[in-house]
Amino acid sequence: MRTRSLVSKEQLREERREAMRAARYFEYACKFGDPDKLLVTAGLLDETGGDGWRLAMKRVAALGSVSKDIQKAFVNIWTQHKGLPLPVGH
């Protein structure tokens, strides 16, 4: 007899959609040089379980470069998230 999963497939799909949405917002903040939005979207990524941070870093890496303001804001995020390399996968 198969036991039912505690998390439904639909719940997993919704979590994945939320992670992808937060990753896109993070990418846009980096792309358009908005450090305030970057900090807000970092909070969204924290709220999404799973792959949010990994997806966000992958999207930002594809940009090639970001503004100095984004770099400075990211230093704050990095120091607040000492374990950030773990969800990113490195």
C-alpha atoms as a PDB file:
ATOM      1  CA  MET A   1       0.000   0.000   0.000  1.00  0.00           C
ATOM      2  CA  ARG A   2       1.362   3.402  -0.961  1.00  0.00           C
ATOM      3  CA  THR A   3       1.413   6.157   1.601  1.00  0.00           C
ATOM      4  CA  ARG A   4       0.267   9.554   0.558  1.00  0.00           C
ATOM      5  CA  SER A   5       2.861  12.320   0.378  1.00  0.00           C
ATOM      6  CA  LEU A   6       2.529  15.110   2.934  1.00  0.00           C
ATOM      7  CA  VAL A   7       3.072  17.676   0.199  1.00  0.00           C
ATOM      8  CA  SER A   8       0.943  17.409  -2.911  1.00  0.00           C
ATOM      9  CA  LYS A   9       2.326  17.787  -6.397  1.00  0.00           C
ATOM     10  CA  GLU A  10       0.271  20.947  -6.783  1.00  0.00           C
ATOM     11  CA  GLN A  11       1.848  22.430  -3.648  1.00  0.00           C
ATOM     12  CA  LEU A  12       5.301  21.611  -5.001  1.00  0.00           C
ATOM     13  CA  ARG A  13       4.435  23.243  -8.334  1.00  0.00           C
ATOM     14  CA  GLU A  14       3.190  26.355  -6.547  1.00  0.00           C
ATOM     15  CA  GLU A  15       6.374  26.561  -4.457  1.00  0.00           C
ATOM     16  CA  ARG A  16       8.424  26.246  -7.651  1.00  0.00           C
ATOM     17  CA  ARG A  17       6.404  29.035  -9.321  1.00  0.00           C
ATOM     18  CA  GLU A  18       6.933  31.290  -6.305  1.00  0.00           C
ATOM     19  CA  ALA A  19      10.676  30.564  -6.325  1.00  0.00           C
ATOM     20  CA  MET A  20      10.890  31.351 -10.045  1.00  0.00           C
ATOM     21  CA  ARG A  21       8.891  34.564  -9.602  1.00  0.00           C
ATOM     22  CA  ALA A  22      11.131  35.750  -6.752  1.00  0.00           C
ATOM     23  CA  ALA A  23      14.233  34.859  -8.811  1.00  0.00           C
ATOM     24  CA  ARG A  24      12.930  36.966 -11.727  1.00  0.00           C
ATOM     25  CA  TYR A  25      12.274  39.915  -9.420  1.00  0.00           C
ATOM     26  CA  PHE A  26      15.784  39.609  -8.010  1.00  0.00           C
ATOM     27  CA  GLU A  27      17.202  39.519 -11.548  1.00  0.00           C
ATOM     28  CA  TYR A  28      15.201  42.610 -12.562  1.00  0.00           C
ATOM     29  CA  ALA A  29      16.410  44.523  -9.507  1.00  0.00           C
ATOM     30  CA  CYS A  30      19.986  43.684 -10.496  1.00  0.00           C
ATOM     31  CA  LYS A  31      19.437  44.415 -14.177  1.00  0.00           C
ATOM     32  CA  PHE A  32      17.858  47.816 -13.584  1.00  0.00           C
ATOM     33  CA  GLY A  33      20.137  48.813 -10.705  1.00  0.00           C
ATOM     34  CA  ASP A  34      17.555  49.128  -7.942  1.00  0.00           C
ATOM     35  CA  PRO A  35      19.218  48.260  -4.595  1.00  0.00           C
ATOM     36  CA  ASP A  36      16.027  48.844  -2.572  1.00  0.00           C
ATOM     37  CA  LYS A  37      14.103  46.324  -4.654  1.00  0.00           C
ATOM     38  CA  LEU A  38      17.066  43.958  -4.416  1.00  0.00           C
ATOM     39  CA  LEU A  39      16.780  43.938  -0.619  1.00  0.00           C
ATOM     40  CA  VAL A  40      13.012  43.386  -0.801  1.00  0.00           C
ATOM     41  CA  THR A  41      13.357  40.531  -3.263  1.00  0.00           C
ATOM     42  CA  ALA A  42      16.032  38.934  -1.086  1.00  0.00           C
ATOM     43  CA  GLY A  43      13.319  38.701   1.554  1.00  0.00           C
ATOM     44  CA  LEU A  44      11.005  37.058  -0.969  1.00  0.00           C
ATOM     45  CA  LEU A  45      13.705  34.540  -1.819  1.00  0.00           C
ATOM     46  CA  ASP A  46      14.095  33.752   1.874  1.00  0.00           C
ATOM     47  CA  GLU A  47      10.368  33.016   2.078  1.00  0.00           C
ATOM     48  CA  THR A  48      10.427  30.652  -0.886  1.00  0.00           C
ATOM     49  CA  GLY A  49      11.660  27.225  -0.085  1.00  0.00           C
ATOM     50  CA  GLY A  50      13.751  25.166  -2.388  1.00  0.00           C
ATOM     51  CA  ASP A  51      15.495  26.612  -5.391  1.00  0.00           C
ATOM     52  CA  GLY A  52      14.757  30.340  -5.150  1.00  0.00           C
ATOM     53  CA  TRP A  53      18.280  31.493  -4.354  1.00  0.00           C
ATOM     54  CA  ARG A  54      19.873  29.073  -6.814  1.00  0.00           C
ATOM     55  CA  LEU A  55      17.581  30.251  -9.614  1.00  0.00           C
ATOM     56  CA  ALA A  56      18.204  33.907  -8.740  1.00  0.00           C
ATOM     57  CA  MET A  57      21.983  33.524  -8.766  1.00  0.00           C
ATOM     58  CA  LYS A  58      21.837  31.677 -12.065  1.00  0.00           C
ATOM     59  CA  ARG A  59      19.787  34.483 -13.639  1.00  0.00           C
ATOM     60  CA  VAL A  60      22.042  37.223 -12.257  1.00  0.00           C
ATOM     61  CA  ALA A  61      25.167  35.400 -13.436  1.00  0.00           C
ATOM     62  CA  ALA A  62      23.743  35.496 -16.955  1.00  0.00           C
ATOM     63  CA  LEU A  63      23.618  39.307 -16.791  1.00  0.00           C
ATOM     64  CA  GLY A  64      27.393  39.535 -16.888  1.00  0.00           C
ATOM     65  CA  SER A  65      27.692  42.642 -14.725  1.00  0.00           C
ATOM     66  CA  VAL A  66      25.683  44.768 -12.307  1.00  0.00           C
ATOM     67  CA  SER A  67      25.975  48.328 -11.054  1.00  0.00           C
ATOM     68  CA  LYS A  68      28.124  49.374  -8.091  1.00  0.00           C
ATOM     69  CA  ASP A  69      24.930  50.125  -6.130  1.00  0.00           C
ATOM     70  CA  ILE A  70      23.751  46.536  -6.612  1.00  0.00           C
ATOM     71  CA  GLN A  71      27.172  45.220  -5.640  1.00  0.00           C
ATOM     72  CA  LYS A  72      27.068  47.234  -2.408  1.00  0.00           C
ATOM     73  CA  ALA A  73      23.532  46.085  -1.612  1.00  0.00           C
ATOM     74  CA  PHE A  74      24.496  42.483  -2.254  1.00  0.00           C
ATOM     75  CA  VAL A  75      27.309  42.717   0.295  1.00  0.00           C
ATOM     76  CA  ASN A  76      24.619  43.390   2.924  1.00  0.00           C
ATOM     77  CA  ILE A  77      22.617  40.391   1.728  1.00  0.00           C
ATOM     78  CA  TRP A  78      25.699  38.189   1.736  1.00  0.00           C
ATOM     79  CA  THR A  79      26.686  39.128   5.282  1.00  0.00           C
ATOM     80  CA  GLN A  80      23.135  38.559   6.540  1.00  0.00           C
ATOM     81  CA  HIS A  81      23.023  35.145   4.872  1.00  0.00           C
ATOM     82  CA  LYS A  82      26.177  33.451   5.999  1.00  0.00           C
ATOM     83  CA  GLY A  83      24.815  30.140   4.712  1.00  0.00           C
ATOM     84  CA  LEU A  84      23.805  31.508   1.312  1.00  0.00           C
ATOM     85  CA  PRO A  85      26.187  29.231  -0.606  1.00  0.00           C
ATOM     86  CA  LEU A  86      24.223  26.230   0.658  1.00  0.00           C
ATOM     87  CA  PRO A  87      20.906  26.948  -1.124  1.00  0.00           C
ATOM     88  CA  VAL A  88      22.785  28.271  -4.155  1.00  0.00           C
ATOM     89  CA  GLY A  89      24.633  24.992  -4.426  1.00  0.00           C
ATOM     90  CA  HIS A  90      28.243  26.159  -4.044  1.00  0.00           C
END
